[in-house]
Amino acid sequence: MRLRFAPLLMILILVLPSCGGSPEWDDSQKTNFLRACRREAGYEKQDLCTPLAQEIEQKILEGTSKSCLLFKANDIATAGSESAKQKARDEFDNC
């Protein structure tokens, strides 16, 4: 069984440096998200990460909370079932 603190660590690495900064999504944050997402999602779900990164970028430009998006994107990428993935997707869309 995988360690359950890894997704939290991924979020902390991505969110904490940006908490005091601007709401923008810079290239280093996107690169860090993609790297962590691919690692956490596993081989079979890595194709979720690039579209999620693009959605995050667009939603941040629209004023959506970066931390909410990152937490919910992590939930999407690590969901163990289709119902969990759909629930995470709905929450992501409602950030």
PDB file of N, CA and C in Angstrom:
ATOM      1  N   MET A   1       0.840  -1.184   0.000  1.00  0.00           N
ATOM      2  CA  MET A   1       0.000   0.000   0.000  1.00  0.00           C
ATOM      3  C   MET A   1       0.885   1.246   0.000  1.00  0.00           C
ATOM      4  N   ARG A   2       0.508   2.200  -0.782  1.00  0.00           N
ATOM      5  CA  ARG A   2       1.288   3.432  -0.891  1.00  0.00           C
ATOM      6  C   ARG A   2       1.109   4.287   0.344  1.00  0.00           C
ATOM      7  N   LEU A   3       2.093   5.068   0.617  1.00  0.00           N
ATOM      8  CA  LEU A   3       2.006   5.992   1.735  1.00  0.00           C
ATOM      9  C   LEU A   3       0.988   7.071   1.404  1.00  0.00           C
ATOM     10  N   ARG A   4       0.101   7.361   2.344  1.00  0.00           N
ATOM     11  CA  ARG A   4      -0.974   8.308   2.086  1.00  0.00           C
ATOM     12  C   ARG A   4      -0.540   9.756   2.304  1.00  0.00           C
ATOM     13  N   PHE A   5       0.630   9.976   2.872  1.00  0.00           N
ATOM     14  CA  PHE A   5       1.063  11.352   3.072  1.00  0.00           C
ATOM     15  C   PHE A   5       1.706  11.933   1.811  1.00  0.00           C
ATOM     16  N   ALA A   6       1.992  11.114   0.835  1.00  0.00           N
ATOM     17  CA  ALA A   6       2.649  11.601  -0.385  1.00  0.00           C
ATOM     18  C   ALA A   6       1.815  12.654  -1.112  1.00  0.00           C
ATOM     19  N   PRO A   7       0.490  12.459  -1.282  1.00  0.00           N
ATOM     20  CA  PRO A   7      -0.283  13.519  -1.944  1.00  0.00           C
ATOM     21  C   PRO A   7      -0.256  14.831  -1.164  1.00  0.00           C
ATOM     22  N   LEU A   8      -0.298  14.734   0.154  1.00  0.00           N
ATOM     23  CA  LEU A   8      -0.231  15.949   0.952  1.00  0.00           C
ATOM     24  C   LEU A   8       1.112  16.641   0.761  1.00  0.00           C
ATOM     25  N   LEU A   9       2.171  15.864   0.717  1.00  0.00           N
ATOM     26  CA  LEU A   9       3.501  16.427   0.490  1.00  0.00           C
ATOM     27  C   LEU A   9       3.546  17.125  -0.868  1.00  0.00           C
ATOM     28  N   MET A  10       2.940  16.509  -1.886  1.00  0.00           N
ATOM     29  CA  MET A  10       2.905  17.111  -3.218  1.00  0.00           C
ATOM     30  C   MET A  10       2.216  18.477  -3.158  1.00  0.00           C
ATOM     31  N   ILE A  11       1.106  18.541  -2.481  1.00  0.00           N
ATOM     32  CA  ILE A  11       0.360  19.794  -2.393  1.00  0.00           C
ATOM     33  C   ILE A  11       1.157  20.843  -1.621  1.00  0.00           C
ATOM     34  N   LEU A  12       1.778  20.445  -0.527  1.00  0.00           N
ATOM     35  CA  LEU A  12       2.560  21.403   0.251  1.00  0.00           C
ATOM     36  C   LEU A  12       3.708  21.978  -0.564  1.00  0.00           C
ATOM     37  N   ILE A  13       4.357  21.144  -1.341  1.00  0.00           N
ATOM     38  CA  ILE A  13       5.461  21.609  -2.180  1.00  0.00           C
ATOM     39  C   ILE A  13       4.964  22.611  -3.210  1.00  0.00           C
ATOM     40  N   LEU A  14       3.785  22.368  -3.739  1.00  0.00           N
ATOM     41  CA  LEU A  14       3.251  23.232  -4.786  1.00  0.00           C
ATOM     42  C   LEU A  14       2.597  24.499  -4.241  1.00  0.00           C
ATOM     43  N   VAL A  15       1.902  24.392  -3.123  1.00  0.00           N
ATOM     44  CA  VAL A  15       1.099  25.506  -2.637  1.00  0.00           C
ATOM     45  C   VAL A  15       1.886  26.463  -1.753  1.00  0.00           C
ATOM     46  N   LEU A  16       2.676  25.957  -0.829  1.00  0.00           N
ATOM     47  CA  LEU A  16       3.334  26.844   0.132  1.00  0.00           C
ATOM     48  C   LEU A  16       4.175  27.932  -0.519  1.00  0.00           C
ATOM     49  N   PRO A  17       4.980  27.624  -1.541  1.00  0.00           N
ATOM     50  CA  PRO A  17       5.750  28.714  -2.134  1.00  0.00           C
ATOM     51  C   PRO A  17       4.871  29.781  -2.775  1.00  0.00           C
ATOM     52  N   SER A  18       3.637  29.424  -3.113  1.00  0.00           N
ATOM     53  CA  SER A  18       2.779  30.371  -3.809  1.00  0.00           C
ATOM     54  C   SER A  18       1.799  31.085  -2.897  1.00  0.00           C
ATOM     55  N   CYS A  19       1.722  30.700  -1.631  1.00  0.00           N
ATOM     56  CA  CYS A  19       0.718  31.286  -0.741  1.00  0.00           C
ATOM     57  C   CYS A  19       0.861  32.796  -0.602  1.00  0.00           C
ATOM     58  N   GLY A  20       2.058  33.268  -0.465  1.00  0.00           N
ATOM     59  CA  GLY A  20       2.249  34.689  -0.282  1.00  0.00           C
ATOM     60  C   GLY A  20       2.408  35.444  -1.577  1.00  0.00           C
ATOM     61  N   GLY A  21       2.494  34.740  -2.661  1.00  0.00           N
ATOM     62  CA  GLY A  21       2.760  35.377  -3.937  1.00  0.00           C
ATOM     63  C   GLY A  21       1.508  35.677  -4.725  1.00  0.00           C
ATOM     64  N   SER A  22       1.714  35.871  -5.988  1.00  0.00           N
ATOM     65  CA  SER A  22       0.613  36.199  -6.878  1.00  0.00           C
ATOM     66  C   SER A  22      -0.183  34.942  -7.226  1.00  0.00           C
ATOM     67  N   PRO A  23      -1.409  35.126  -7.703  1.00  0.00           N
ATOM     68  CA  PRO A  23      -2.246  33.980  -8.038  1.00  0.00           C
ATOM     69  C   PRO A  23      -1.877  33.336  -9.374  1.00  0.00           C
ATOM     70  N   GLU A  24      -0.834  33.825 -10.021  1.00  0.00           N
ATOM     71  CA  GLU A  24      -0.471  33.287 -11.324  1.00  0.00           C
ATOM     72  C   GLU A  24       0.075  31.872 -11.236  1.00  0.00           C
ATOM     73  N   TRP A  25       0.137  31.254 -12.363  1.00  0.00           N
ATOM     74  CA  TRP A  25       0.604  29.878 -12.530  1.00  0.00           C
ATOM     75  C   TRP A  25       1.838  29.965 -13.408  1.00  0.00           C
ATOM     76  N   ASP A  26       3.016  29.961 -12.803  1.00  0.00           N
ATOM     77  CA  ASP A  26       4.224  30.112 -13.602  1.00  0.00           C
ATOM     78  C   ASP A  26       4.746  28.756 -14.072  1.00  0.00           C
ATOM     79  N   ASP A  27       5.727  28.792 -14.950  1.00  0.00           N
ATOM     80  CA  ASP A  27       6.243  27.563 -15.554  1.00  0.00           C
ATOM     81  C   ASP A  27       6.835  26.599 -14.531  1.00  0.00           C
ATOM     82  N   SER A  28       7.484  27.117 -13.501  1.00  0.00           N
ATOM     83  CA  SER A  28       8.072  26.212 -12.510  1.00  0.00           C
ATOM     84  C   SER A  28       6.984  25.514 -11.695  1.00  0.00           C
ATOM     85  N   GLN A  29       5.908  26.224 -11.388  1.00  0.00           N
ATOM     86  CA  GLN A  29       4.800  25.589 -10.672  1.00  0.00           C
ATOM     87  C   GLN A  29       4.140  24.524 -11.530  1.00  0.00           C
ATOM     88  N   LYS A  30       3.987  24.822 -12.804  1.00  0.00           N
ATOM     89  CA  LYS A  30       3.384  23.851 -13.713  1.00  0.00           C
ATOM     90  C   LYS A  30       4.277  22.613 -13.843  1.00  0.00           C
ATOM     91  N   THR A  31       5.565  22.818 -13.969  1.00  0.00           N
ATOM     92  CA  THR A  31       6.513  21.705 -14.061  1.00  0.00           C
ATOM     93  C   THR A  31       6.480  20.863 -12.798  1.00  0.00           C
ATOM     94  N   ASN A  32       6.472  21.522 -11.635  1.00  0.00           N
ATOM     95  CA  ASN A  32       6.405  20.797 -10.370  1.00  0.00           C
ATOM     96  C   ASN A  32       5.107  20.010 -10.247  1.00  0.00           C
ATOM     97  N   PHE A  33       3.995  20.626 -10.649  1.00  0.00           N
ATOM     98  CA  PHE A  33       2.715  19.920 -10.604  1.00  0.00           C
ATOM     99  C   PHE A  33       2.757  18.686 -11.496  1.00  0.00           C
ATOM    100  N   LEU A  34       3.222  18.844 -12.723  1.00  0.00           N
ATOM    101  CA  LEU A  34       3.252  17.715 -13.660  1.00  0.00           C
ATOM    102  C   LEU A  34       4.128  16.581 -13.139  1.00  0.00           C
ATOM    103  N   ARG A  35       5.276  16.916 -12.606  1.00  0.00           N
ATOM    104  CA  ARG A  35       6.191  15.899 -12.072  1.00  0.00           C
ATOM    105  C   ARG A  35       5.534  15.139 -10.917  1.00  0.00           C
ATOM    106  N   ALA A  36       4.969  15.886  -9.970  1.00  0.00           N
ATOM    107  CA  ALA A  36       4.339  15.254  -8.812  1.00  0.00           C
ATOM    108  C   ALA A  36       3.086  14.482  -9.210  1.00  0.00           C
ATOM    109  N   CYS A  37       2.298  15.036 -10.098  1.00  0.00           N
ATOM    110  CA  CYS A  37       1.076  14.379 -10.546  1.00  0.00           C
ATOM    111  C   CYS A  37       1.393  13.046 -11.217  1.00  0.00           C
ATOM    112  N   ARG A  38       2.343  13.053 -12.109  1.00  0.00           N
ATOM    113  CA  ARG A  38       2.706  11.822 -12.812  1.00  0.00           C
ATOM    114  C   ARG A  38       3.233  10.764 -11.854  1.00  0.00           C
ATOM    115  N   ARG A  39       3.980  11.188 -10.875  1.00  0.00           N
ATOM    116  CA  ARG A  39       4.504  10.248  -9.878  1.00  0.00           C
ATOM    117  C   ARG A  39       3.364   9.656  -9.054  1.00  0.00           C
ATOM    118  N   GLU A  40       2.436  10.495  -8.607  1.00  0.00           N
ATOM    119  CA  GLU A  40       1.340  10.043  -7.751  1.00  0.00           C
ATOM    120  C   GLU A  40       0.265   9.283  -8.521  1.00  0.00           C
ATOM    121  N   ALA A  41       0.020   9.661  -9.761  1.00  0.00           N
ATOM    122  CA  ALA A  41      -1.057   9.042 -10.532  1.00  0.00           C
ATOM    123  C   ALA A  41      -0.725   7.620 -10.940  1.00  0.00           C
ATOM    124  N   GLY A  42       0.547   7.326 -11.077  1.00  0.00           N
ATOM    125  CA  GLY A  42       0.923   6.000 -11.550  1.00  0.00           C
ATOM    126  C   GLY A  42       0.889   5.946 -13.067  1.00  0.00           C
ATOM    127  N   TYR A  43       1.522   4.949 -13.599  1.00  0.00           N
ATOM    128  CA  TYR A  43       1.692   4.843 -15.050  1.00  0.00           C
ATOM    129  C   TYR A  43       0.369   4.867 -15.808  1.00  0.00           C
ATOM    130  N   GLU A  44      -0.610   4.135 -15.298  1.00  0.00           N
ATOM    131  CA  GLU A  44      -1.869   3.989 -16.038  1.00  0.00           C
ATOM    132  C   GLU A  44      -2.696   5.263 -16.105  1.00  0.00           C
ATOM    133  N   LYS A  45      -2.437   6.238 -15.230  1.00  0.00           N
ATOM    134  CA  LYS A  45      -3.237   7.462 -15.213  1.00  0.00           C
ATOM    135  C   LYS A  45      -2.427   8.722 -15.488  1.00  0.00           C
ATOM    136  N   GLN A  46      -1.200   8.591 -15.958  1.00  0.00           N
ATOM    137  CA  GLN A  46      -0.349   9.765 -16.186  1.00  0.00           C
ATOM    138  C   GLN A  46      -0.922  10.708 -17.237  1.00  0.00           C
ATOM    139  N   ASP A  47      -1.722  10.174 -18.149  1.00  0.00           N
ATOM    140  CA  ASP A  47      -2.284  11.023 -19.201  1.00  0.00           C
ATOM    141  C   ASP A  47      -3.302  12.025 -18.664  1.00  0.00           C
ATOM    142  N   LEU A  48      -3.695  11.913 -17.408  1.00  0.00           N
ATOM    143  CA  LEU A  48      -4.594  12.895 -16.791  1.00  0.00           C
ATOM    144  C   LEU A  48      -3.882  14.201 -16.452  1.00  0.00           C
ATOM    145  N   CYS A  49      -2.589  14.125 -16.241  1.00  0.00           N
ATOM    146  CA  CYS A  49      -1.859  15.247 -15.646  1.00  0.00           C
ATOM    147  C   CYS A  49      -1.727  16.466 -16.547  1.00  0.00           C
ATOM    148  N   THR A  50      -1.397  16.273 -17.802  1.00  0.00           N
ATOM    149  CA  THR A  50      -1.234  17.427 -18.698  1.00  0.00           C
ATOM    150  C   THR A  50      -2.545  18.184 -18.895  1.00  0.00           C
ATOM    151  N   PRO A  51      -3.664  17.486 -19.163  1.00  0.00           N
ATOM    152  CA  PRO A  51      -4.928  18.241 -19.255  1.00  0.00           C
ATOM    153  C   PRO A  51      -5.307  18.936 -17.951  1.00  0.00           C
ATOM    154  N   LEU A  52      -5.029  18.296 -16.821  1.00  0.00           N
ATOM    155  CA  LEU A  52      -5.310  18.943 -15.538  1.00  0.00           C
ATOM    156  C   LEU A  52      -4.482  20.209 -15.371  1.00  0.00           C
ATOM    157  N   ALA A  53      -3.213  20.153 -15.740  1.00  0.00           N
ATOM    158  CA  ALA A  53      -2.352  21.334 -15.643  1.00  0.00           C
ATOM    159  C   ALA A  53      -2.891  22.466 -16.510  1.00  0.00           C
ATOM    160  N   GLN A  54      -3.377  22.127 -17.691  1.00  0.00           N
ATOM    161  CA  GLN A  54      -3.932  23.151 -18.579  1.00  0.00           C
ATOM    162  C   GLN A  54      -5.218  23.742 -17.998  1.00  0.00           C
ATOM    163  N   GLU A  55      -6.049  22.883 -17.402  1.00  0.00           N
ATOM    164  CA  GLU A  55      -7.270  23.378 -16.773  1.00  0.00           C
ATOM    165  C   GLU A  55      -6.953  24.274 -15.574  1.00  0.00           C
ATOM    166  N   ILE A  56      -5.980  23.862 -14.780  1.00  0.00           N
ATOM    167  CA  ILE A  56      -5.572  24.667 -13.631  1.00  0.00           C
ATOM    168  C   ILE A  56      -5.130  26.049 -14.098  1.00  0.00           C
ATOM    169  N   GLU A  57      -4.291  26.067 -15.111  1.00  0.00           N
ATOM    170  CA  GLU A  57      -3.795  27.345 -15.634  1.00  0.00           C
ATOM    171  C   GLU A  57      -4.950  28.246 -16.072  1.00  0.00           C
ATOM    172  N   GLN A  58      -5.896  27.694 -16.808  1.00  0.00           N
ATOM    173  CA  GLN A  58      -7.031  28.482 -17.299  1.00  0.00           C
ATOM    174  C   GLN A  58      -7.897  28.976 -16.144  1.00  0.00           C
ATOM    175  N   LYS A  59      -8.168  28.105 -15.186  1.00  0.00           N
ATOM    176  CA  LYS A  59      -9.029  28.485 -14.062  1.00  0.00           C
ATOM    177  C   LYS A  59      -8.355  29.536 -13.175  1.00  0.00           C
ATOM    178  N   ILE A  60      -7.043  29.461 -13.032  1.00  0.00           N
ATOM    179  CA  ILE A  60      -6.328  30.478 -12.254  1.00  0.00           C
ATOM    180  C   ILE A  60      -6.440  31.829 -12.950  1.00  0.00           C
ATOM    181  N   LEU A  61      -6.325  31.826 -14.265  1.00  0.00           N
ATOM    182  CA  LEU A  61      -6.486  33.070 -15.025  1.00  0.00           C
ATOM    183  C   LEU A  61      -7.887  33.655 -14.842  1.00  0.00           C
ATOM    184  N   GLU A  62      -8.866  32.780 -14.592  1.00  0.00           N
ATOM    185  CA  GLU A  62     -10.244  33.219 -14.376  1.00  0.00           C
ATOM    186  C   GLU A  62     -10.493  33.620 -12.927  1.00  0.00           C
ATOM    187  N   GLY A  63      -9.467  33.448 -12.059  1.00  0.00           N
ATOM    188  CA  GLY A  63      -9.587  33.888 -10.679  1.00  0.00           C
ATOM    189  C   GLY A  63      -9.885  32.797  -9.661  1.00  0.00           C
ATOM    190  N   THR A  64      -9.841  31.543 -10.067  1.00  0.00           N
ATOM    191  CA  THR A  64     -10.114  30.433  -9.149  1.00  0.00           C
ATOM    192  C   THR A  64      -8.927  30.216  -8.215  1.00  0.00           C
ATOM    193  N   SER A  65      -9.209  29.756  -7.015  1.00  0.00           N
ATOM    194  CA  SER A  65      -8.194  29.506  -5.996  1.00  0.00           C
ATOM    195  C   SER A  65      -7.220  28.415  -6.442  1.00  0.00           C
ATOM    196  N   LYS A  66      -5.939  28.761  -6.469  1.00  0.00           N
ATOM    197  CA  LYS A  66      -4.916  27.803  -6.881  1.00  0.00           C
ATOM    198  C   LYS A  66      -4.842  26.620  -5.921  1.00  0.00           C
ATOM    199  N   SER A  67      -4.912  26.884  -4.636  1.00  0.00           N
ATOM    200  CA  SER A  67      -4.788  25.786  -3.669  1.00  0.00           C
ATOM    201  C   SER A  67      -5.953  24.814  -3.795  1.00  0.00           C
ATOM    202  N   CYS A  68      -7.165  25.309  -3.971  1.00  0.00           N
ATOM    203  CA  CYS A  68      -8.319  24.423  -4.168  1.00  0.00           C
ATOM    204  C   CYS A  68      -8.108  23.557  -5.404  1.00  0.00           C
ATOM    205  N   LEU A  69      -7.692  24.170  -6.487  1.00  0.00           N
ATOM    206  CA  LEU A  69      -7.480  23.434  -7.734  1.00  0.00           C
ATOM    207  C   LEU A  69      -6.420  22.351  -7.578  1.00  0.00           C
ATOM    208  N   LEU A  70      -5.331  22.674  -6.903  1.00  0.00           N
ATOM    209  CA  LEU A  70      -4.253  21.696  -6.733  1.00  0.00           C
ATOM    210  C   LEU A  70      -4.684  20.526  -5.857  1.00  0.00           C
ATOM    211  N   PHE A  71      -5.403  20.808  -4.778  1.00  0.00           N
ATOM    212  CA  PHE A  71      -5.880  19.728  -3.919  1.00  0.00           C
ATOM    213  C   PHE A  71      -6.833  18.809  -4.685  1.00  0.00           C
ATOM    214  N   LYS A  72      -7.757  19.391  -5.414  1.00  0.00           N
ATOM    215  CA  LYS A  72      -8.750  18.585  -6.129  1.00  0.00           C
ATOM    216  C   LYS A  72      -8.138  17.878  -7.338  1.00  0.00           C
ATOM    217  N   ALA A  73      -7.166  18.498  -7.993  1.00  0.00           N
ATOM    218  CA  ALA A  73      -6.469  17.827  -9.106  1.00  0.00           C
ATOM    219  C   ALA A  73      -5.731  16.602  -8.586  1.00  0.00           C
ATOM    220  N   ASN A  74      -5.138  16.726  -7.417  1.00  0.00           N
ATOM    221  CA  ASN A  74      -4.474  15.583  -6.799  1.00  0.00           C
ATOM    222  C   ASN A  74      -5.479  14.471  -6.519  1.00  0.00           C
ATOM    223  N   ASP A  75      -6.659  14.836  -6.031  1.00  0.00           N
ATOM    224  CA  ASP A  75      -7.699  13.840  -5.774  1.00  0.00           C
ATOM    225  C   ASP A  75      -8.130  13.136  -7.056  1.00  0.00           C
ATOM    226  N   ILE A  76      -8.221  13.883  -8.157  1.00  0.00           N
ATOM    227  CA  ILE A  76      -8.581  13.286  -9.442  1.00  0.00           C
ATOM    228  C   ILE A  76      -7.521  12.283  -9.871  1.00  0.00           C
ATOM    229  N   ALA A  77      -6.264  12.708  -9.804  1.00  0.00           N
ATOM    230  CA  ALA A  77      -5.157  11.872 -10.286  1.00  0.00           C
ATOM    231  C   ALA A  77      -4.956  10.614  -9.448  1.00  0.00           C
ATOM    232  N   THR A  78      -5.326  10.663  -8.169  1.00  0.00           N
ATOM    233  CA  THR A  78      -5.078   9.520  -7.293  1.00  0.00           C
ATOM    234  C   THR A  78      -6.339   8.734  -6.953  1.00  0.00           C
ATOM    235  N   ALA A  79      -7.468   9.102  -7.555  1.00  0.00           N
ATOM    236  CA  ALA A  79      -8.727   8.413  -7.261  1.00  0.00           C
ATOM    237  C   ALA A  79      -8.615   6.922  -7.574  1.00  0.00           C
ATOM    238  N   GLY A  80      -9.153   6.117  -6.669  1.00  0.00           N
ATOM    239  CA  GLY A  80      -9.069   4.670  -6.825  1.00  0.00           C
ATOM    240  C   GLY A  80     -10.222   4.058  -7.593  1.00  0.00           C
ATOM    241  N   SER A  81     -11.262   4.834  -7.824  1.00  0.00           N
ATOM    242  CA  SER A  81     -12.425   4.320  -8.554  1.00  0.00           C
ATOM    243  C   SER A  81     -13.006   5.427  -9.424  1.00  0.00           C
ATOM    244  N   GLU A  82     -13.848   5.025 -10.340  1.00  0.00           N
ATOM    245  CA  GLU A  82     -14.489   6.018 -11.207  1.00  0.00           C
ATOM    246  C   GLU A  82     -15.396   6.948 -10.412  1.00  0.00           C
ATOM    247  N   SER A  83     -16.079   6.425  -9.399  1.00  0.00           N
ATOM    248  CA  SER A  83     -16.958   7.283  -8.603  1.00  0.00           C
ATOM    249  C   SER A  83     -16.149   8.298  -7.796  1.00  0.00           C
ATOM    250  N   ALA A  84     -14.999   7.872  -7.257  1.00  0.00           N
ATOM    251  CA  ALA A  84     -14.127   8.800  -6.538  1.00  0.00           C
ATOM    252  C   ALA A  84     -13.555   9.847  -7.487  1.00  0.00           C
ATOM    253  N   LYS A  85     -13.215   9.416  -8.683  1.00  0.00           N
ATOM    254  CA  LYS A  85     -12.689  10.348  -9.692  1.00  0.00           C
ATOM    255  C   LYS A  85     -13.757  11.373 -10.073  1.00  0.00           C
ATOM    256  N   GLN A  86     -14.994  10.920 -10.255  1.00  0.00           N
ATOM    257  CA  GLN A  86     -16.074  11.833 -10.625  1.00  0.00           C
ATOM    258  C   GLN A  86     -16.368  12.818  -9.495  1.00  0.00           C
ATOM    259  N   LYS A  87     -16.348  12.335  -8.260  1.00  0.00           N
ATOM    260  CA  LYS A  87     -16.563  13.217  -7.105  1.00  0.00           C
ATOM    261  C   LYS A  87     -15.466  14.283  -7.054  1.00  0.00           C
ATOM    262  N   ALA A  88     -14.208  13.861  -7.241  1.00  0.00           N
ATOM    263  CA  ALA A  88     -13.099  14.805  -7.236  1.00  0.00           C
ATOM    264  C   ALA A  88     -13.221  15.799  -8.393  1.00  0.00           C
ATOM    265  N   ARG A  89     -13.662  15.312  -9.543  1.00  0.00           N
ATOM    266  CA  ARG A  89     -13.848  16.183 -10.722  1.00  0.00           C
ATOM    267  C   ARG A  89     -14.906  17.233 -10.443  1.00  0.00           C
ATOM    268  N   ASP A  90     -16.016  16.815  -9.823  1.00  0.00           N
ATOM    269  CA  ASP A  90     -17.080  17.765  -9.486  1.00  0.00           C
ATOM    270  C   ASP A  90     -16.563  18.824  -8.521  1.00  0.00           C
ATOM    271  N   GLU A  91     -15.794  18.410  -7.523  1.00  0.00           N
ATOM    272  CA  GLU A  91     -15.229  19.357  -6.563  1.00  0.00           C
ATOM    273  C   GLU A  91     -14.220  20.282  -7.227  1.00  0.00           C
ATOM    274  N   PHE A  92     -13.433  19.755  -8.147  1.00  0.00           N
ATOM    275  CA  PHE A  92     -12.464  20.560  -8.911  1.00  0.00           C
ATOM    276  C   PHE A  92     -13.218  21.637  -9.705  1.00  0.00           C
ATOM    277  N   ASP A  93     -14.292  21.223 -10.355  1.00  0.00           N
ATOM    278  CA  ASP A  93     -15.070  22.154 -11.163  1.00  0.00           C
ATOM    279  C   ASP A  93     -15.763  23.223 -10.318  1.00  0.00           C
ATOM    280  N   ASN A  94     -15.965  22.927  -9.033  1.00  0.00           N
ATOM    281  CA  ASN A  94     -16.635  23.879  -8.135  1.00  0.00           C
ATOM    282  C   ASN A  94     -15.680  24.703  -7.291  1.00  0.00           C
ATOM    283  N   CYS A  95     -14.398  24.606  -7.542  1.00  0.00           N
ATOM    284  CA  CYS A  95     -13.425  25.412  -6.774  1.00  0.00           C
ATOM    285  C   CYS A  95     -13.712  26.892  -6.942  1.00  0.00           C
TER     286      CYS A  95
END
